[in-house]
Amino acid sequence: MVVIIQFILLFSRQGKLRLQKWYTSQTEKSKKKITRELVATVLARKPKMSSFLEWKDLKIVYKR
């Protein structure tokens, strides 16, 4: 099994994007959509929930 990191996003609790690094080719429109959806998904989760989630066909790992 090969694990490929596709991107790294750092954002504040208010949803402001601080850093982004993309390791796979994506269009700007796609990057913005992914970022917007992930920020909303992660920020909506309760603090006691697991830091791992499956989103679309990706496994997302985050830290609060």
N, C-alpha and C. Protein backbone atom coordinates (compact mmCIF):
# COMPACT_ATOMS: atom_id res chain seq x y z
N MET A 1 0.85 -1.18 0.00
CA MET A 1 0.00 0.00 0.00
C MET A 1 0.89 1.24 0.00
N VAL A 2 0.62 2.14 -0.90
CA VAL A 2 1.39 3.38 -1.00
C VAL A 2 0.52 4.52 -0.48
N VAL A 3 1.08 5.28 0.44
CA VAL A 3 0.37 6.44 0.98
C VAL A 3 1.00 7.68 0.38
N ILE A 4 0.18 8.48 -0.25
CA ILE A 4 0.67 9.70 -0.89
C ILE A 4 0.00 10.89 -0.21
N ILE A 5 0.83 11.82 0.27
CA ILE A 5 0.29 13.06 0.81
C ILE A 5 -0.03 13.94 -0.39
N GLN A 6 -1.28 14.35 -0.51
CA GLN A 6 -1.68 15.16 -1.65
C GLN A 6 -1.58 16.64 -1.36
N PHE A 7 -1.81 17.03 -0.11
CA PHE A 7 -1.70 18.45 0.25
C PHE A 7 -1.60 18.61 1.75
N ILE A 8 -1.11 19.76 2.17
CA ILE A 8 -1.07 20.16 3.57
C ILE A 8 -1.72 21.54 3.66
N LEU A 9 -2.68 21.66 4.55
CA LEU A 9 -3.36 22.94 4.76
C LEU A 9 -3.25 23.30 6.23
N LEU A 10 -2.88 24.53 6.51
CA LEU A 10 -2.90 25.06 7.88
C LEU A 10 -3.85 26.23 7.89
N PHE A 11 -4.82 26.18 8.79
CA PHE A 11 -5.76 27.29 8.88
C PHE A 11 -6.13 27.53 10.33
N SER A 12 -6.57 28.76 10.60
CA SER A 12 -6.94 29.16 11.96
C SER A 12 -8.32 28.62 12.31
N ARG A 13 -8.68 28.75 13.57
CA ARG A 13 -10.01 28.31 14.01
C ARG A 13 -11.11 29.18 13.44
N GLN A 14 -10.74 30.35 12.95
CA GLN A 14 -11.73 31.22 12.30
C GLN A 14 -11.87 30.87 10.82
N GLY A 15 -11.04 29.94 10.33
CA GLY A 15 -11.14 29.50 8.95
C GLY A 15 -10.21 30.21 7.99
N LYS A 16 -9.30 31.04 8.52
CA LYS A 16 -8.37 31.76 7.64
C LYS A 16 -7.20 30.83 7.27
N LEU A 17 -6.97 30.68 5.99
CA LEU A 17 -5.90 29.82 5.50
C LEU A 17 -4.55 30.47 5.77
N ARG A 18 -3.66 29.76 6.45
CA ARG A 18 -2.34 30.29 6.80
C ARG A 18 -1.24 29.75 5.88
N LEU A 19 -1.36 28.49 5.50
CA LEU A 19 -0.34 27.87 4.68
C LEU A 19 -0.97 26.76 3.86
N GLN A 20 -0.53 26.62 2.63
CA GLN A 20 -0.98 25.50 1.80
C GLN A 20 0.18 24.99 0.97
N LYS A 21 0.28 23.68 0.88
CA LYS A 21 1.32 23.04 0.07
C LYS A 21 0.64 21.90 -0.67
N TRP A 22 0.73 21.92 -1.98
CA TRP A 22 0.08 20.92 -2.83
C TRP A 22 1.15 20.04 -3.46
N TYR A 23 1.02 18.73 -3.29
CA TYR A 23 1.97 17.77 -3.84
C TYR A 23 1.46 17.08 -5.09
N THR A 24 0.20 17.32 -5.42
CA THR A 24 -0.37 16.79 -6.66
C THR A 24 -0.90 17.96 -7.48
N SER A 25 -0.98 17.77 -8.75
CA SER A 25 -1.43 18.83 -9.65
C SER A 25 -2.94 19.04 -9.49
N GLN A 26 -3.34 20.28 -9.21
CA GLN A 26 -4.74 20.65 -9.08
C GLN A 26 -4.94 22.01 -9.73
N THR A 27 -6.11 22.24 -10.27
CA THR A 27 -6.41 23.57 -10.79
C THR A 27 -6.67 24.52 -9.62
N GLU A 28 -6.56 25.81 -9.86
CA GLU A 28 -6.81 26.79 -8.79
C GLU A 28 -8.25 26.68 -8.30
N LYS A 29 -9.17 26.46 -9.20
CA LYS A 29 -10.58 26.31 -8.83
C LYS A 29 -10.78 25.11 -7.92
N SER A 30 -10.13 24.01 -8.27
CA SER A 30 -10.21 22.79 -7.47
C SER A 30 -9.58 23.00 -6.09
N LYS A 31 -8.44 23.67 -6.04
CA LYS A 31 -7.78 23.95 -4.76
C LYS A 31 -8.68 24.75 -3.84
N LYS A 32 -9.32 25.78 -4.39
CA LYS A 32 -10.20 26.63 -3.59
C LYS A 32 -11.40 25.84 -3.07
N LYS A 33 -11.95 24.98 -3.92
CA LYS A 33 -13.11 24.19 -3.51
C LYS A 33 -12.73 23.20 -2.41
N ILE A 34 -11.62 22.50 -2.59
CA ILE A 34 -11.15 21.54 -1.59
C ILE A 34 -10.89 22.26 -0.26
N THR A 35 -10.20 23.38 -0.33
CA THR A 35 -9.87 24.14 0.88
C THR A 35 -11.14 24.58 1.59
N ARG A 36 -12.07 25.17 0.86
CA ARG A 36 -13.32 25.67 1.45
C ARG A 36 -14.11 24.54 2.12
N GLU A 37 -14.23 23.40 1.43
CA GLU A 37 -15.00 22.28 1.97
C GLU A 37 -14.33 21.66 3.19
N LEU A 38 -13.01 21.51 3.14
CA LEU A 38 -12.31 20.91 4.27
C LEU A 38 -12.32 21.80 5.50
N VAL A 39 -12.12 23.08 5.31
CA VAL A 39 -12.15 24.01 6.45
C VAL A 39 -13.52 23.92 7.12
N ALA A 40 -14.58 23.95 6.34
CA ALA A 40 -15.93 23.88 6.90
C ALA A 40 -16.16 22.55 7.62
N THR A 41 -15.70 21.46 7.04
CA THR A 41 -15.89 20.13 7.64
C THR A 41 -15.14 20.00 8.95
N VAL A 42 -13.87 20.38 8.96
CA VAL A 42 -13.04 20.23 10.17
C VAL A 42 -13.53 21.16 11.28
N LEU A 43 -13.83 22.40 10.96
CA LEU A 43 -14.26 23.34 12.00
C LEU A 43 -15.63 22.98 12.58
N ALA A 44 -16.45 22.26 11.83
CA ALA A 44 -17.77 21.87 12.32
C ALA A 44 -17.71 20.67 13.27
N ARG A 45 -16.59 19.98 13.30
CA ARG A 45 -16.46 18.80 14.16
C ARG A 45 -16.24 19.22 15.61
N LYS A 46 -16.77 18.43 16.52
CA LYS A 46 -16.61 18.71 17.95
C LYS A 46 -15.19 18.37 18.40
N PRO A 47 -14.66 19.07 19.39
CA PRO A 47 -13.28 18.84 19.84
C PRO A 47 -12.99 17.41 20.30
N LYS A 48 -13.99 16.72 20.84
CA LYS A 48 -13.77 15.36 21.34
C LYS A 48 -13.80 14.30 20.25
N MET A 49 -14.13 14.69 19.04
CA MET A 49 -14.21 13.73 17.94
C MET A 49 -12.80 13.33 17.50
N SER A 50 -12.72 12.21 16.82
CA SER A 50 -11.44 11.71 16.31
C SER A 50 -10.81 12.71 15.35
N SER A 51 -9.47 12.71 15.31
CA SER A 51 -8.73 13.61 14.42
C SER A 51 -8.51 13.00 13.04
N PHE A 52 -9.17 11.91 12.77
CA PHE A 52 -9.08 11.26 11.47
C PHE A 52 -10.48 11.23 10.87
N LEU A 53 -10.57 11.52 9.59
CA LEU A 53 -11.86 11.41 8.93
C LEU A 53 -11.67 11.03 7.48
N GLU A 54 -12.67 10.37 6.95
CA GLU A 54 -12.65 10.03 5.53
C GLU A 54 -13.52 11.05 4.83
N TRP A 55 -12.92 11.70 3.86
CA TRP A 55 -13.59 12.77 3.12
C TRP A 55 -13.39 12.49 1.64
N LYS A 56 -14.50 12.30 0.95
CA LYS A 56 -14.47 11.88 -0.46
C LYS A 56 -13.65 10.60 -0.54
N ASP A 57 -12.61 10.55 -1.34
CA ASP A 57 -11.79 9.33 -1.42
C ASP A 57 -10.47 9.50 -0.67
N LEU A 58 -10.41 10.48 0.24
CA LEU A 58 -9.17 10.79 0.96
C LEU A 58 -9.33 10.50 2.45
N LYS A 59 -8.21 10.27 3.10
CA LYS A 59 -8.18 10.17 4.55
C LYS A 59 -7.54 11.45 5.06
N ILE A 60 -8.25 12.17 5.88
CA ILE A 60 -7.81 13.46 6.39
C ILE A 60 -7.36 13.29 7.84
N VAL A 61 -6.19 13.84 8.14
CA VAL A 61 -5.67 13.85 9.51
C VAL A 61 -5.48 15.31 9.88
N TYR A 62 -6.02 15.69 11.03
CA TYR A 62 -5.88 17.09 11.44
C TYR A 62 -5.58 17.19 12.93
N LYS A 63 -5.11 18.34 13.34
CA LYS A 63 -4.82 18.62 14.74
C LYS A 63 -5.48 19.94 15.10
N ARG A 64 -6.11 19.98 16.24
CA ARG A 64 -6.75 21.22 16.71
C ARG A 64 -5.76 22.06 17.45
